[in-house]
């Protein structure tokens, strides 16, 4: 005669102390993630306000800075050319944009 096999697993009420440290660690990591997110939002808002205060649109700062570099805004020709060279060296503007901006700054 074949006897039936019981597949029931007994679970005791004691989890071996795993639950509490896990919950504490999970809560700590969650708080760190939320704090990081809050910091990123704070930094973005602060940068946008600073850009607005200086007269730059925070959604298009590269284009605005390039336009200011091209227009000069009271700078000497040497200062404008040095700024254009710096923008080109950092890769903000391409070689063609650099040539065009230099020609405009020099009035040719």
N, C-alpha and C. Protein backbone atom coordinates (compact mmCIF):
# COMPACT_ATOMS: atom_id res chain seq x y z
N UNK A 1 0.82 -1.16 0.00
CA UNK A 1 0.00 0.00 0.00
C UNK A 1 0.89 1.26 0.00
N UNK A 2 0.47 2.26 -0.76
CA UNK A 2 1.23 3.51 -0.90
C UNK A 2 0.64 4.53 0.07
N UNK A 3 1.52 5.12 0.82
CA UNK A 3 1.04 6.13 1.76
C UNK A 3 1.20 7.52 1.13
N UNK A 4 0.22 8.40 1.30
CA UNK A 4 0.33 9.76 0.74
C UNK A 4 1.43 10.56 1.46
N UNK A 5 2.12 11.41 0.67
CA UNK A 5 3.20 12.23 1.22
C UNK A 5 2.66 13.63 1.45
N UNK A 6 2.89 14.15 2.57
CA UNK A 6 2.43 15.50 2.89
C UNK A 6 3.51 16.50 2.46
N UNK A 7 3.08 17.52 1.67
CA UNK A 7 4.01 18.56 1.21
C UNK A 7 3.86 19.85 1.99
N UNK A 8 3.15 19.81 3.05
CA UNK A 8 2.94 21.01 3.85
C UNK A 8 4.23 21.41 4.55
N UNK A 9 4.49 22.71 4.56
CA UNK A 9 5.68 23.23 5.22
C UNK A 9 5.21 24.04 6.42
N UNK A 10 5.73 23.74 7.54
CA UNK A 10 5.34 24.47 8.73
C UNK A 10 6.21 25.72 8.85
N UNK A 11 5.56 26.84 9.13
CA UNK A 11 6.26 28.10 9.30
C UNK A 11 6.03 28.55 10.73
N UNK A 12 7.09 28.75 11.42
CA UNK A 12 6.94 29.20 12.80
C UNK A 12 6.82 30.72 12.81
N UNK A 13 6.38 31.26 13.90
CA UNK A 13 6.20 32.71 14.02
C UNK A 13 7.52 33.45 14.10
N UNK A 14 8.59 32.79 14.44
CA UNK A 14 9.89 33.44 14.56
C UNK A 14 10.62 33.39 13.22
N UNK A 15 10.99 34.58 12.69
CA UNK A 15 11.68 34.62 11.39
C UNK A 15 13.18 34.72 11.56
N UNK A 16 13.66 34.50 12.75
CA UNK A 16 15.10 34.51 12.97
C UNK A 16 15.68 35.91 13.04
N UNK A 17 14.87 36.92 13.27
CA UNK A 17 15.37 38.28 13.39
C UNK A 17 15.71 38.93 12.06
N UNK A 18 15.28 38.36 10.97
CA UNK A 18 15.61 38.91 9.65
C UNK A 18 14.73 40.09 9.30
N UNK A 19 13.51 40.09 9.75
CA UNK A 19 12.53 41.10 9.33
C UNK A 19 12.91 42.50 9.77
N UNK A 20 13.23 42.72 11.01
CA UNK A 20 13.49 44.06 11.52
C UNK A 20 14.72 44.71 10.88
N UNK A 21 15.86 44.08 10.82
CA UNK A 21 17.01 44.73 10.16
C UNK A 21 16.75 45.00 8.68
N UNK A 22 16.05 44.10 8.02
CA UNK A 22 15.74 44.31 6.61
C UNK A 22 14.86 45.54 6.43
N UNK A 23 13.84 45.67 7.26
CA UNK A 23 12.95 46.83 7.16
C UNK A 23 13.69 48.12 7.47
N UNK A 24 14.56 48.09 8.44
CA UNK A 24 15.34 49.29 8.76
C UNK A 24 16.25 49.66 7.59
N UNK A 25 16.93 48.69 7.01
CA UNK A 25 17.81 48.95 5.87
C UNK A 25 17.00 49.45 4.67
N UNK A 26 15.86 48.84 4.43
CA UNK A 26 15.01 49.25 3.31
C UNK A 26 14.52 50.68 3.49
N UNK A 27 14.11 51.03 4.71
CA UNK A 27 13.66 52.39 4.99
C UNK A 27 14.80 53.39 4.82
N UNK A 28 16.00 53.01 5.27
CA UNK A 28 17.17 53.89 5.16
C UNK A 28 17.52 54.15 3.70
N UNK A 29 17.54 53.10 2.89
CA UNK A 29 17.83 53.25 1.47
C UNK A 29 16.75 54.10 0.79
N UNK A 30 15.51 53.87 1.15
CA UNK A 30 14.43 54.68 0.59
C UNK A 30 14.57 56.15 0.93
N UNK A 31 14.95 56.44 2.17
CA UNK A 31 15.17 57.83 2.56
C UNK A 31 16.35 58.45 1.81
N UNK A 32 17.40 57.67 1.60
CA UNK A 32 18.54 58.18 0.82
C UNK A 32 18.14 58.51 -0.61
N UNK A 33 17.34 57.65 -1.22
CA UNK A 33 16.88 57.90 -2.59
C UNK A 33 16.02 59.16 -2.64
N UNK A 34 15.11 59.30 -1.70
CA UNK A 34 14.24 60.48 -1.69
C UNK A 34 15.06 61.75 -1.43
N UNK A 35 16.05 61.68 -0.54
CA UNK A 35 16.90 62.84 -0.28
C UNK A 35 17.71 63.22 -1.52
N UNK A 36 18.21 62.22 -2.24
CA UNK A 36 18.94 62.50 -3.47
C UNK A 36 18.06 63.15 -4.52
N UNK A 37 16.85 62.65 -4.67
CA UNK A 37 15.91 63.24 -5.61
C UNK A 37 15.59 64.67 -5.23
N UNK A 38 15.35 64.93 -3.94
CA UNK A 38 15.05 66.29 -3.48
C UNK A 38 16.23 67.22 -3.76
N UNK A 39 17.45 66.74 -3.57
CA UNK A 39 18.63 67.56 -3.84
C UNK A 39 18.74 67.91 -5.32
N UNK A 40 18.47 66.94 -6.20
CA UNK A 40 18.54 67.20 -7.64
C UNK A 40 17.50 68.24 -8.04
N UNK A 41 16.29 68.13 -7.51
CA UNK A 41 15.24 69.12 -7.81
C UNK A 41 15.66 70.49 -7.30
N UNK A 42 16.17 70.55 -6.07
CA UNK A 42 16.62 71.82 -5.49
C UNK A 42 17.72 72.45 -6.34
N UNK A 43 18.69 71.66 -6.77
CA UNK A 43 19.80 72.19 -7.57
C UNK A 43 19.30 72.70 -8.92
N UNK A 44 18.35 72.00 -9.54
CA UNK A 44 17.81 72.43 -10.83
C UNK A 44 17.06 73.75 -10.69
N UNK A 45 16.27 73.88 -9.64
CA UNK A 45 15.53 75.13 -9.41
C UNK A 45 16.49 76.26 -9.13
N UNK A 46 17.51 76.01 -8.33
CA UNK A 46 18.49 77.04 -8.02
C UNK A 46 19.25 77.50 -9.27
N UNK A 47 19.62 76.56 -10.13
CA UNK A 47 20.33 76.90 -11.37
C UNK A 47 19.43 77.71 -12.30
N UNK A 48 18.16 77.32 -12.40
CA UNK A 48 17.23 78.05 -13.27
C UNK A 48 17.04 79.47 -12.77
N UNK A 49 16.92 79.65 -11.46
CA UNK A 49 16.76 81.01 -10.91
C UNK A 49 18.01 81.85 -11.18
N UNK A 50 19.18 81.26 -11.00
CA UNK A 50 20.42 82.00 -11.24
C UNK A 50 20.53 82.39 -12.72
N UNK A 51 20.14 81.50 -13.61
CA UNK A 51 20.19 81.81 -15.04
C UNK A 51 19.22 82.94 -15.37
N UNK A 52 18.02 82.88 -14.81
CA UNK A 52 17.05 83.95 -15.08
C UNK A 52 17.55 85.29 -14.56
N UNK A 53 18.15 85.29 -13.36
CA UNK A 53 18.66 86.54 -12.79
C UNK A 53 19.74 87.16 -13.66
N UNK A 54 20.52 86.32 -14.35
CA UNK A 54 21.58 86.85 -15.20
C UNK A 54 21.10 87.10 -16.63
N UNK A 55 19.79 86.92 -16.87
CA UNK A 55 19.23 87.23 -18.18
C UNK A 55 19.34 86.12 -19.20
N UNK A 56 19.52 84.90 -18.75
CA UNK A 56 19.66 83.76 -19.66
C UNK A 56 18.45 82.86 -19.50
N UNK A 57 17.91 82.40 -20.62
CA UNK A 57 16.80 81.46 -20.59
C UNK A 57 17.33 80.12 -20.09
N UNK A 58 16.80 79.57 -18.99
CA UNK A 58 17.37 78.33 -18.44
C UNK A 58 17.18 77.11 -19.32
N UNK A 59 16.30 77.19 -20.32
CA UNK A 59 16.07 76.03 -21.19
C UNK A 59 16.99 76.05 -22.41
N UNK A 60 17.61 77.19 -22.72
CA UNK A 60 18.53 77.28 -23.87
C UNK A 60 19.79 78.05 -23.50
N UNK A 61 20.51 77.63 -22.47
CA UNK A 61 21.68 78.43 -22.06
C UNK A 61 22.81 78.43 -23.07
N UNK A 62 23.04 77.31 -23.78
CA UNK A 62 24.14 77.26 -24.75
C UNK A 62 23.93 78.27 -25.88
N UNK A 63 22.71 78.30 -26.42
CA UNK A 63 22.41 79.23 -27.51
C UNK A 63 22.50 80.67 -27.03
N UNK A 64 22.03 80.94 -25.83
CA UNK A 64 22.06 82.30 -25.31
C UNK A 64 23.51 82.75 -25.07
N UNK A 65 24.33 81.87 -24.50
CA UNK A 65 25.73 82.23 -24.26
C UNK A 65 26.47 82.45 -25.57
N UNK A 66 26.16 81.65 -26.59
CA UNK A 66 26.78 81.84 -27.90
C UNK A 66 26.37 83.17 -28.49
N UNK A 67 25.07 83.52 -28.38
CA UNK A 67 24.60 84.80 -28.90
C UNK A 67 25.27 85.96 -28.18
N UNK A 68 25.45 85.84 -26.87
CA UNK A 68 26.13 86.90 -26.12
C UNK A 68 27.59 87.01 -26.53
N UNK A 69 28.22 85.86 -26.78
CA UNK A 69 29.62 85.89 -27.21
C UNK A 69 29.77 86.54 -28.57
N UNK A 70 28.81 86.28 -29.45
CA UNK A 70 28.87 86.86 -30.79
C UNK A 70 28.59 88.35 -30.75
N UNK A 71 27.60 88.75 -29.97
CA UNK A 71 27.22 90.16 -29.94
C UNK A 71 28.26 91.02 -29.22
N UNK A 72 28.95 90.47 -28.26
CA UNK A 72 30.01 91.22 -27.60
C UNK A 72 29.57 91.90 -26.32
N UNK A 73 28.49 92.59 -26.31
CA UNK A 73 27.94 93.30 -25.15
C UNK A 73 28.98 94.10 -24.38
N UNK A 74 29.58 95.06 -25.06
CA UNK A 74 30.49 95.97 -24.39
C UNK A 74 31.90 95.46 -24.16
N UNK A 75 32.24 94.34 -24.72
CA UNK A 75 33.59 93.81 -24.55
C UNK A 75 34.46 94.28 -25.71
N UNK A 76 35.75 94.25 -25.46
CA UNK A 76 36.67 94.60 -26.53
C UNK A 76 36.72 93.45 -27.53
N UNK A 77 37.26 93.73 -28.70
CA UNK A 77 37.37 92.69 -29.73
C UNK A 77 38.25 91.55 -29.24
N UNK A 78 39.33 91.89 -28.53
CA UNK A 78 40.21 90.85 -28.00
C UNK A 78 39.48 89.93 -27.04
N UNK A 79 38.64 90.52 -26.18
CA UNK A 79 37.87 89.71 -25.22
C UNK A 79 36.87 88.80 -25.94
N UNK A 80 36.21 89.37 -26.97
CA UNK A 80 35.24 88.55 -27.73
C UNK A 80 35.94 87.41 -28.45
N UNK A 81 37.08 87.69 -29.07
CA UNK A 81 37.80 86.64 -29.78
C UNK A 81 38.32 85.57 -28.83
N UNK A 82 38.80 85.99 -27.65
CA UNK A 82 39.28 85.02 -26.65
C UNK A 82 38.13 84.14 -26.17
N UNK A 83 36.96 84.74 -25.98
CA UNK A 83 35.81 83.95 -25.54
C UNK A 83 35.37 82.97 -26.62
N UNK A 84 35.37 83.40 -27.87
CA UNK A 84 35.02 82.50 -28.96
C UNK A 84 36.02 81.35 -29.07
N UNK A 85 37.31 81.67 -28.91
CA UNK A 85 38.32 80.61 -28.95
C UNK A 85 38.11 79.61 -27.81
N UNK A 86 37.75 80.12 -26.64
CA UNK A 86 37.49 79.24 -25.49
C UNK A 86 36.28 78.35 -25.75
N UNK A 87 35.20 78.91 -26.29
CA UNK A 87 34.01 78.11 -26.61
C UNK A 87 34.35 77.02 -27.62
N UNK A 88 35.17 77.35 -28.60
CA UNK A 88 35.56 76.36 -29.61
C UNK A 88 36.45 75.28 -29.01
N UNK A 89 37.39 75.69 -28.18
CA UNK A 89 38.30 74.74 -27.55
C UNK A 89 37.55 73.75 -26.66
N UNK A 90 36.51 74.23 -25.95
CA UNK A 90 35.71 73.36 -25.07
C UNK A 90 34.70 72.52 -25.83
N UNK A 91 34.53 72.78 -27.12
CA UNK A 91 33.60 71.99 -27.93
C UNK A 91 32.17 72.48 -27.87
N UNK A 92 31.95 73.69 -27.33
CA UNK A 92 30.60 74.24 -27.26
C UNK A 92 30.12 74.64 -28.65
N UNK A 93 31.04 75.17 -29.46
CA UNK A 93 30.68 75.55 -30.83
C UNK A 93 31.58 74.78 -31.79
N UNK A 94 31.06 74.57 -32.99
CA UNK A 94 31.81 73.83 -34.01
C UNK A 94 32.82 74.76 -34.69
N UNK A 95 33.64 74.17 -35.54
CA UNK A 95 34.64 74.96 -36.26
C UNK A 95 33.97 75.98 -37.19
N UNK A 96 32.90 75.56 -37.87
CA UNK A 96 32.19 76.49 -38.76
C UNK A 96 31.56 77.63 -37.96
N UNK A 97 30.95 77.32 -36.83
CA UNK A 97 30.36 78.38 -35.99
C UNK A 97 31.46 79.31 -35.47
N UNK A 98 32.62 78.76 -35.15
CA UNK A 98 33.74 79.56 -34.67
C UNK A 98 34.20 80.53 -35.75
N UNK A 99 34.35 80.04 -36.97
CA UNK A 99 34.78 80.91 -38.08
C UNK A 99 33.77 82.02 -38.32
N UNK A 100 32.49 81.66 -38.36
CA UNK A 100 31.43 82.66 -38.59
C UNK A 100 31.40 83.70 -37.49
N UNK A 101 31.48 83.25 -36.24
CA UNK A 101 31.45 84.18 -35.12
C UNK A 101 32.67 85.10 -35.11
N UNK A 102 33.83 84.58 -35.45
CA UNK A 102 35.03 85.42 -35.52
C UNK A 102 34.91 86.48 -36.61
N UNK A 103 34.35 86.05 -37.76
CA UNK A 103 34.16 87.01 -38.85
C UNK A 103 33.20 88.12 -38.42
N UNK A 104 32.13 87.76 -37.74
CA UNK A 104 31.19 88.79 -37.27
C UNK A 104 31.83 89.70 -36.23
N UNK A 105 32.60 89.12 -35.33
CA UNK A 105 33.25 89.93 -34.29
C UNK A 105 34.24 90.91 -34.90
N UNK A 106 34.91 90.47 -35.98
CA UNK A 106 35.89 91.34 -36.62
C UNK A 106 35.24 92.31 -37.61
N UNK A 107 33.95 92.11 -37.88
CA UNK A 107 33.24 93.01 -38.78
C UNK A 107 33.49 92.75 -40.24
N UNK A 108 33.88 91.52 -40.59
CA UNK A 108 34.15 91.20 -41.99
C UNK A 108 33.07 90.30 -42.55
